[in-house]
Amino acid sequence: MRTLREAKVGERISVLKITGEGPVKRRIMDMGITKGVEVFVRKVAPLGDPVEVTVRGYELSLRKADAQMVVIE
């Protein structure tokens, strides 16, 4: 099971599900990351935090902890 945190720069991936619960999961979904959406990994900071992605036509930066909750295929 791969997560968004493990995705490589330049990769185009699809979201399978979001783990976690409560307000953190809700916040990730509110940012547009939902099941089935395509995500393009733009940049990963030198220490891996944050991960910059393009989702639904806009750029988004995610912390490692949040990216770990997004399961991809």
PDB file of N, CA and C in Angstrom:
ATOM      1  N   MET A   1       0.845  -1.177   0.000  1.00  0.00           N
ATOM      2  CA  MET A   1       0.000   0.000   0.000  1.00  0.00           C
ATOM      3  C   MET A   1       0.894   1.245   0.000  1.00  0.00           C
ATOM      4  N   ARG A   2       0.868   1.977  -1.116  1.00  0.00           N
ATOM      5  CA  ARG A   2       1.680   3.189  -1.262  1.00  0.00           C
ATOM      6  C   ARG A   2       0.903   4.422  -0.828  1.00  0.00           C
ATOM      7  N   THR A   3       1.627   5.407  -0.311  1.00  0.00           N
ATOM      8  CA  THR A   3       0.980   6.663   0.079  1.00  0.00           C
ATOM      9  C   THR A   3       1.555   7.817  -0.736  1.00  0.00           C
ATOM     10  N   LEU A   4       0.892   8.935  -0.680  1.00  0.00           N
ATOM     11  CA  LEU A   4       1.329  10.136  -1.396  1.00  0.00           C
ATOM     12  C   LEU A   4       2.714  10.566  -0.938  1.00  0.00           C
ATOM     13  N   ARG A   5       3.053  10.293   0.288  1.00  0.00           N
ATOM     14  CA  ARG A   5       4.378  10.644   0.819  1.00  0.00           C
ATOM     15  C   ARG A   5       5.488   9.924   0.059  1.00  0.00           C
ATOM     16  N   GLU A   6       5.208   8.731  -0.463  1.00  0.00           N
ATOM     17  CA  GLU A   6       6.208   7.926  -1.171  1.00  0.00           C
ATOM     18  C   GLU A   6       6.252   8.203  -2.671  1.00  0.00           C
ATOM     19  N   ALA A   7       5.346   9.019  -3.181  1.00  0.00           N
ATOM     20  CA  ALA A   7       5.302   9.315  -4.614  1.00  0.00           C
ATOM     21  C   ALA A   7       6.526  10.130  -5.034  1.00  0.00           C
ATOM     22  N   LYS A   8       6.974   9.916  -6.255  1.00  0.00           N
ATOM     23  CA  LYS A   8       8.142  10.603  -6.793  1.00  0.00           C
ATOM     24  C   LYS A   8       7.728  11.863  -7.550  1.00  0.00           C
ATOM     25  N   VAL A   9       8.654  12.821  -7.655  1.00  0.00           N
ATOM     26  CA  VAL A   9       8.411  14.064  -8.384  1.00  0.00           C
ATOM     27  C   VAL A   9       8.119  13.733  -9.851  1.00  0.00           C
ATOM     28  N   GLY A  10       7.097  14.370 -10.413  1.00  0.00           N
ATOM     29  CA  GLY A  10       6.726  14.160 -11.804  1.00  0.00           C
ATOM     30  C   GLY A  10       5.725  13.034 -11.996  1.00  0.00           C
ATOM     31  N   GLU A  11       5.387  12.343 -10.940  1.00  0.00           N
ATOM     32  CA  GLU A  11       4.460  11.216 -11.023  1.00  0.00           C
ATOM     33  C   GLU A  11       3.017  11.717 -11.023  1.00  0.00           C
ATOM     34  N   ARG A  12       2.184  11.062 -11.828  1.00  0.00           N
ATOM     35  CA  ARG A  12       0.754  11.336 -11.863  1.00  0.00           C
ATOM     36  C   ARG A  12       0.076  10.124 -11.241  1.00  0.00           C
ATOM     37  N   ILE A  13      -0.613  10.350 -10.134  1.00  0.00           N
ATOM     38  CA  ILE A  13      -1.179   9.226  -9.395  1.00  0.00           C
ATOM     39  C   ILE A  13      -2.676   9.449  -9.169  1.00  0.00           C
ATOM     40  N   SER A  14      -3.338   8.372  -8.773  1.00  0.00           N
ATOM     41  CA  SER A  14      -4.766   8.424  -8.486  1.00  0.00           C
ATOM     42  C   SER A  14      -4.980   8.051  -7.020  1.00  0.00           C
ATOM     43  N   VAL A  15      -5.876   8.759  -6.346  1.00  0.00           N
ATOM     44  CA  VAL A  15      -6.135   8.516  -4.922  1.00  0.00           C
ATOM     45  C   VAL A  15      -7.089   7.329  -4.771  1.00  0.00           C
ATOM     46  N   LEU A  16      -6.688   6.355  -3.949  1.00  0.00           N
ATOM     47  CA  LEU A  16      -7.544   5.205  -3.657  1.00  0.00           C
ATOM     48  C   LEU A  16      -8.438   5.480  -2.461  1.00  0.00           C
ATOM     49  N   LYS A  17      -7.842   5.987  -1.379  1.00  0.00           N
ATOM     50  CA  LYS A  17      -8.626   6.304  -0.181  1.00  0.00           C
ATOM     51  C   LYS A  17      -7.818   7.204   0.731  1.00  0.00           C
ATOM     52  N   ILE A  18      -8.496   7.765   1.718  1.00  0.00           N
ATOM     53  CA  ILE A  18      -7.844   8.598   2.725  1.00  0.00           C
ATOM     54  C   ILE A  18      -8.033   7.905   4.070  1.00  0.00           C
ATOM     55  N   THR A  19      -6.919   7.614   4.731  1.00  0.00           N
ATOM     56  CA  THR A  19      -6.989   6.988   6.040  1.00  0.00           C
ATOM     57  C   THR A  19      -7.116   8.069   7.095  1.00  0.00           C
ATOM     58  N   GLY A  20      -7.115   7.701   8.332  1.00  0.00           N
ATOM     59  CA  GLY A  20      -7.267   8.691   9.385  1.00  0.00           C
ATOM     60  C   GLY A  20      -8.738   8.973   9.623  1.00  0.00           C
ATOM     61  N   GLU A  21      -9.013   9.859  10.547  1.00  0.00           N
ATOM     62  CA  GLU A  21     -10.404  10.169  10.859  1.00  0.00           C
ATOM     63  C   GLU A  21     -10.534  11.561  11.443  1.00  0.00           C
ATOM     64  N   GLY A  22     -11.768  11.977  11.566  1.00  0.00           N
ATOM     65  CA  GLY A  22     -12.059  13.252  12.201  1.00  0.00           C
ATOM     66  C   GLY A  22     -11.653  14.464  11.397  1.00  0.00           C
ATOM     67  N   PRO A  23     -11.265  15.540  12.094  1.00  0.00           N
ATOM     68  CA  PRO A  23     -11.000  16.815  11.436  1.00  0.00           C
ATOM     69  C   PRO A  23      -9.851  16.783  10.433  1.00  0.00           C
ATOM     70  N   VAL A  24      -8.844  15.942  10.664  1.00  0.00           N
ATOM     71  CA  VAL A  24      -7.704  15.877   9.732  1.00  0.00           C
ATOM     72  C   VAL A  24      -8.158  15.314   8.394  1.00  0.00           C
ATOM     73  N   LYS A  25      -8.904  14.225   8.418  1.00  0.00           N
ATOM     74  CA  LYS A  25      -9.428  13.624   7.183  1.00  0.00           C
ATOM     75  C   LYS A  25     -10.339  14.615   6.468  1.00  0.00           C
ATOM     76  N   ARG A  26     -11.188  15.294   7.211  1.00  0.00           N
ATOM     77  CA  ARG A  26     -12.116  16.280   6.646  1.00  0.00           C
ATOM     78  C   ARG A  26     -11.339  17.414   5.958  1.00  0.00           C
ATOM     79  N   ARG A  27     -10.255  17.870   6.595  1.00  0.00           N
ATOM     80  CA  ARG A  27      -9.448  18.962   6.032  1.00  0.00           C
ATOM     81  C   ARG A  27      -8.807  18.544   4.711  1.00  0.00           C
ATOM     82  N   ILE A  28      -8.279  17.323   4.662  1.00  0.00           N
ATOM     83  CA  ILE A  28      -7.668  16.825   3.431  1.00  0.00           C
ATOM     84  C   ILE A  28      -8.716  16.757   2.318  1.00  0.00           C
ATOM     85  N   MET A  29      -9.897  16.265   2.648  1.00  0.00           N
ATOM     86  CA  MET A  29     -10.967  16.190   1.651  1.00  0.00           C
ATOM     87  C   MET A  29     -11.431  17.576   1.221  1.00  0.00           C
ATOM     88  N   ASP A  30     -11.469  18.516   2.144  1.00  0.00           N
ATOM     89  CA  ASP A  30     -11.858  19.891   1.812  1.00  0.00           C
ATOM     90  C   ASP A  30     -10.865  20.548   0.858  1.00  0.00           C
ATOM     91  N   MET A  31      -9.612  20.093   0.891  1.00  0.00           N
ATOM     92  CA  MET A  31      -8.595  20.630  -0.017  1.00  0.00           C
ATOM     93  C   MET A  31      -8.743  20.059  -1.431  1.00  0.00           C
ATOM     94  N   GLY A  32      -9.662  19.130  -1.626  1.00  0.00           N
ATOM     95  CA  GLY A  32      -9.908  18.593  -2.961  1.00  0.00           C
ATOM     96  C   GLY A  32      -9.327  17.213  -3.187  1.00  0.00           C
ATOM     97  N   ILE A  33      -8.681  16.649  -2.189  1.00  0.00           N
ATOM     98  CA  ILE A  33      -8.105  15.320  -2.344  1.00  0.00           C
ATOM     99  C   ILE A  33      -9.151  14.306  -1.883  1.00  0.00           C
ATOM    100  N   THR A  34      -9.810  13.701  -2.873  1.00  0.00           N
ATOM    101  CA  THR A  34     -10.853  12.721  -2.589  1.00  0.00           C
ATOM    102  C   THR A  34     -10.598  11.463  -3.412  1.00  0.00           C
ATOM    103  N   LYS A  35     -11.311  10.400  -3.113  1.00  0.00           N
ATOM    104  CA  LYS A  35     -11.153   9.128  -3.811  1.00  0.00           C
ATOM    105  C   LYS A  35     -11.349   9.301  -5.314  1.00  0.00           C
ATOM    106  N   GLY A  36     -10.410   8.763  -6.090  1.00  0.00           N
ATOM    107  CA  GLY A  36     -10.509   8.788  -7.540  1.00  0.00           C
ATOM    108  C   GLY A  36      -9.906  10.002  -8.218  1.00  0.00           C
ATOM    109  N   VAL A  37      -9.558  11.045  -7.475  1.00  0.00           N
ATOM    110  CA  VAL A  37      -9.010  12.257  -8.086  1.00  0.00           C
ATOM    111  C   VAL A  37      -7.556  12.018  -8.512  1.00  0.00           C
ATOM    112  N   GLU A  38      -7.168  12.665  -9.628  1.00  0.00           N
ATOM    113  CA  GLU A  38      -5.789  12.548 -10.114  1.00  0.00           C
ATOM    114  C   GLU A  38      -4.940  13.642  -9.479  1.00  0.00           C
ATOM    115  N   VAL A  39      -3.744  13.255  -9.030  1.00  0.00           N
ATOM    116  CA  VAL A  39      -2.827  14.183  -8.372  1.00  0.00           C
ATOM    117  C   VAL A  39      -1.484  14.126  -9.094  1.00  0.00           C
ATOM    118  N   PHE A  40      -0.902  15.293  -9.365  1.00  0.00           N
ATOM    119  CA  PHE A  40       0.423  15.380  -9.986  1.00  0.00           C
ATOM    120  C   PHE A  40       1.402  15.889  -8.932  1.00  0.00           C
ATOM    121  N   VAL A  41       2.479  15.141  -8.712  1.00  0.00           N
ATOM    122  CA  VAL A  41       3.477  15.527  -7.707  1.00  0.00           C
ATOM    123  C   VAL A  41       4.458  16.495  -8.356  1.00  0.00           C
ATOM    124  N   ARG A  42       4.430  17.762  -7.921  1.00  0.00           N
ATOM    125  CA  ARG A  42       5.276  18.810  -8.504  1.00  0.00           C
ATOM    126  C   ARG A  42       6.659  18.866  -7.881  1.00  0.00           C
ATOM    127  N   LYS A  43       6.710  18.929  -6.556  1.00  0.00           N
ATOM    128  CA  LYS A  43       7.997  19.069  -5.857  1.00  0.00           C
ATOM    129  C   LYS A  43       7.934  18.372  -4.514  1.00  0.00           C
ATOM    130  N   VAL A  44       9.101  17.957  -4.050  1.00  0.00           N
ATOM    131  CA  VAL A  44       9.241  17.458  -2.689  1.00  0.00           C
ATOM    132  C   VAL A  44      10.426  18.199  -2.090  1.00  0.00           C
ATOM    133  N   ALA A  45      10.230  18.820  -0.949  1.00  0.00           N
ATOM    134  CA  ALA A  45      11.296  19.579  -0.293  1.00  0.00           C
ATOM    135  C   ALA A  45      12.457  18.644   0.061  1.00  0.00           C
ATOM    136  N   PRO A  46      13.663  19.181   0.208  1.00  0.00           N
ATOM    137  CA  PRO A  46      14.850  18.354   0.477  1.00  0.00           C
ATOM    138  C   PRO A  46      14.689  17.357   1.632  1.00  0.00           C
ATOM    139  N   LEU A  47      14.018  17.740   2.687  1.00  0.00           N
ATOM    140  CA  LEU A  47      13.833  16.811   3.805  1.00  0.00           C
ATOM    141  C   LEU A  47      12.498  16.083   3.720  1.00  0.00           C
ATOM    142  N   GLY A  48      11.801  16.223   2.579  1.00  0.00           N
ATOM    143  CA  GLY A  48      10.553  15.511   2.363  1.00  0.00           C
ATOM    144  C   GLY A  48       9.318  16.210   2.912  1.00  0.00           C
ATOM    145  N   ASP A  49       9.486  17.402   3.452  1.00  0.00           N
ATOM    146  CA  ASP A  49       8.350  18.103   4.047  1.00  0.00           C
ATOM    147  C   ASP A  49       8.407  19.574   3.665  1.00  0.00           C
ATOM    148  N   PRO A  50       7.495  20.153   2.939  1.00  0.00           N
ATOM    149  CA  PRO A  50       6.239  19.578   2.473  1.00  0.00           C
ATOM    150  C   PRO A  50       6.348  18.952   1.083  1.00  0.00           C
ATOM    151  N   VAL A  51       5.253  18.341   0.652  1.00  0.00           N
ATOM    152  CA  VAL A  51       5.115  17.786  -0.698  1.00  0.00           C
ATOM    153  C   VAL A  51       4.196  18.746  -1.441  1.00  0.00           C
ATOM    154  N   GLU A  52       4.625  19.202  -2.613  1.00  0.00           N
ATOM    155  CA  GLU A  52       3.786  20.118  -3.391  1.00  0.00           C
ATOM    156  C   GLU A  52       3.150  19.350  -4.540  1.00  0.00           C
ATOM    157  N   VAL A  53       1.820  19.428  -4.632  1.00  0.00           N
ATOM    158  CA  VAL A  53       1.083  18.684  -5.654  1.00  0.00           C
ATOM    159  C   VAL A  53       0.130  19.617  -6.392  1.00  0.00           C
ATOM    160  N   THR A  54      -0.302  19.173  -7.566  1.00  0.00           N
ATOM    161  CA  THR A  54      -1.355  19.856  -8.301  1.00  0.00           C
ATOM    162  C   THR A  54      -2.572  18.946  -8.266  1.00  0.00           C
ATOM    163  N   VAL A  55      -3.679  19.475  -7.776  1.00  0.00           N
ATOM    164  CA  VAL A  55      -4.917  18.707  -7.681  1.00  0.00           C
ATOM    165  C   VAL A  55      -6.077  19.600  -8.105  1.00  0.00           C
ATOM    166  N   ARG A  56      -6.893  19.113  -9.016  1.00  0.00           N
ATOM    167  CA  ARG A  56      -8.064  19.859  -9.520  1.00  0.00           C
ATOM    168  C   ARG A  56      -7.683  21.243 -10.053  1.00  0.00           C
ATOM    169  N   GLY A  57      -6.498  21.350 -10.649  1.00  0.00           N
ATOM    170  CA  GLY A  57      -6.085  22.596 -11.290  1.00  0.00           C
ATOM    171  C   GLY A  57      -5.415  23.620 -10.398  1.00  0.00           C
ATOM    172  N   TYR A  58      -5.140  23.295  -9.152  1.00  0.00           N
ATOM    173  CA  TYR A  58      -4.424  24.252  -8.304  1.00  0.00           C
ATOM    174  C   TYR A  58      -3.306  23.574  -7.523  1.00  0.00           C
ATOM    175  N   GLU A  59      -2.329  24.386  -7.105  1.00  0.00           N
ATOM    176  CA  GLU A  59      -1.179  23.866  -6.363  1.00  0.00           C
ATOM    177  C   GLU A  59      -1.513  23.782  -4.879  1.00  0.00           C
ATOM    178  N   LEU A  60      -0.999  22.750  -4.247  1.00  0.00           N
ATOM    179  CA  LEU A  60      -1.288  22.505  -2.845  1.00  0.00           C
ATOM    180  C   LEU A  60      -0.044  21.943  -2.183  1.00  0.00           C
ATOM    181  N   SER A  61       0.277  22.411  -0.995  1.00  0.00           N
ATOM    182  CA  SER A  61       1.402  21.878  -0.225  1.00  0.00           C
ATOM    183  C   SER A  61       0.846  21.089   0.961  1.00  0.00           C
ATOM    184  N   LEU A  62       1.375  19.881   1.119  1.00  0.00           N
ATOM    185  CA  LEU A  62       0.927  19.002   2.206  1.00  0.00           C
ATOM    186  C   LEU A  62       2.094  18.632   3.102  1.00  0.00           C
ATOM    187  N   ARG A  63       1.855  18.578   4.398  1.00  0.00           N
ATOM    188  CA  ARG A  63       2.881  18.098   5.316  1.00  0.00           C
ATOM    189  C   ARG A  63       3.040  16.593   5.134  1.00  0.00           C
ATOM    190  N   LYS A  64       4.196  16.079   5.551  1.00  0.00           N
ATOM    191  CA  LYS A  64       4.449  14.642   5.450  1.00  0.00           C
ATOM    192  C   LYS A  64       3.369  13.834   6.149  1.00  0.00           C
ATOM    193  N   ALA A  65       2.976  14.267   7.321  1.00  0.00           N
ATOM    194  CA  ALA A  65       1.963  13.533   8.102  1.00  0.00           C
ATOM    195  C   ALA A  65       0.639  13.450   7.349  1.00  0.00           C
ATOM    196  N   ASP A  66       0.258  14.535   6.666  1.00  0.00           N
ATOM    197  CA  ASP A  66      -0.990  14.529   5.898  1.00  0.00           C
ATOM    198  C   ASP A  66      -0.850  13.678   4.637  1.00  0.00           C
ATOM    199  N   ALA A  67       0.292  13.789   3.954  1.00  0.00           N
ATOM    200  CA  ALA A  67       0.528  13.005   2.741  1.00  0.00           C
ATOM    201  C   ALA A  67       0.546  11.507   3.058  1.00  0.00           C
ATOM    202  N   GLN A  68       0.952  11.143   4.247  1.00  0.00           N
ATOM    203  CA  GLN A  68       0.997   9.740   4.671  1.00  0.00           C
ATOM    204  C   GLN A  68      -0.414   9.140   4.744  1.00  0.00           C
ATOM    205  N   MET A  69      -1.432   9.971   4.923  1.00  0.00           N
ATOM    206  CA  MET A  69      -2.799   9.483   5.052  1.00  0.00           C
ATOM    207  C   MET A  69      -3.487   9.239   3.711  1.00  0.00           C
ATOM    208  N   VAL A  70      -2.869   9.676   2.609  1.00  0.00           N
ATOM    209  CA  VAL A  70      -3.472   9.534   1.286  1.00  0.00           C
ATOM    210  C   VAL A  70      -2.901   8.290   0.608  1.00  0.00           C
ATOM    211  N   VAL A  71      -3.736   7.266   0.461  1.00  0.00           N
ATOM    212  CA  VAL A  71      -3.322   6.012  -0.177  1.00  0.00           C
ATOM    213  C   VAL A  71      -3.517   6.151  -1.680  1.00  0.00           C
ATOM    214  N   ILE A  72      -2.460   5.814  -2.446  1.00  0.00           N
ATOM    215  CA  ILE A  72      -2.495   5.977  -3.905  1.00  0.00           C
ATOM    216  C   ILE A  72      -2.297   4.632  -4.592  1.00  0.00           C
ATOM    217  N   GLU A  73      -2.567   4.604  -5.919  1.00  0.00           N
ATOM    218  CA  GLU A  73      -2.291   3.384  -6.676  1.00  0.00           C
ATOM    219  C   GLU A  73      -1.132   3.605  -7.605  1.00  0.00           C
TER     220      GLU A  73
END
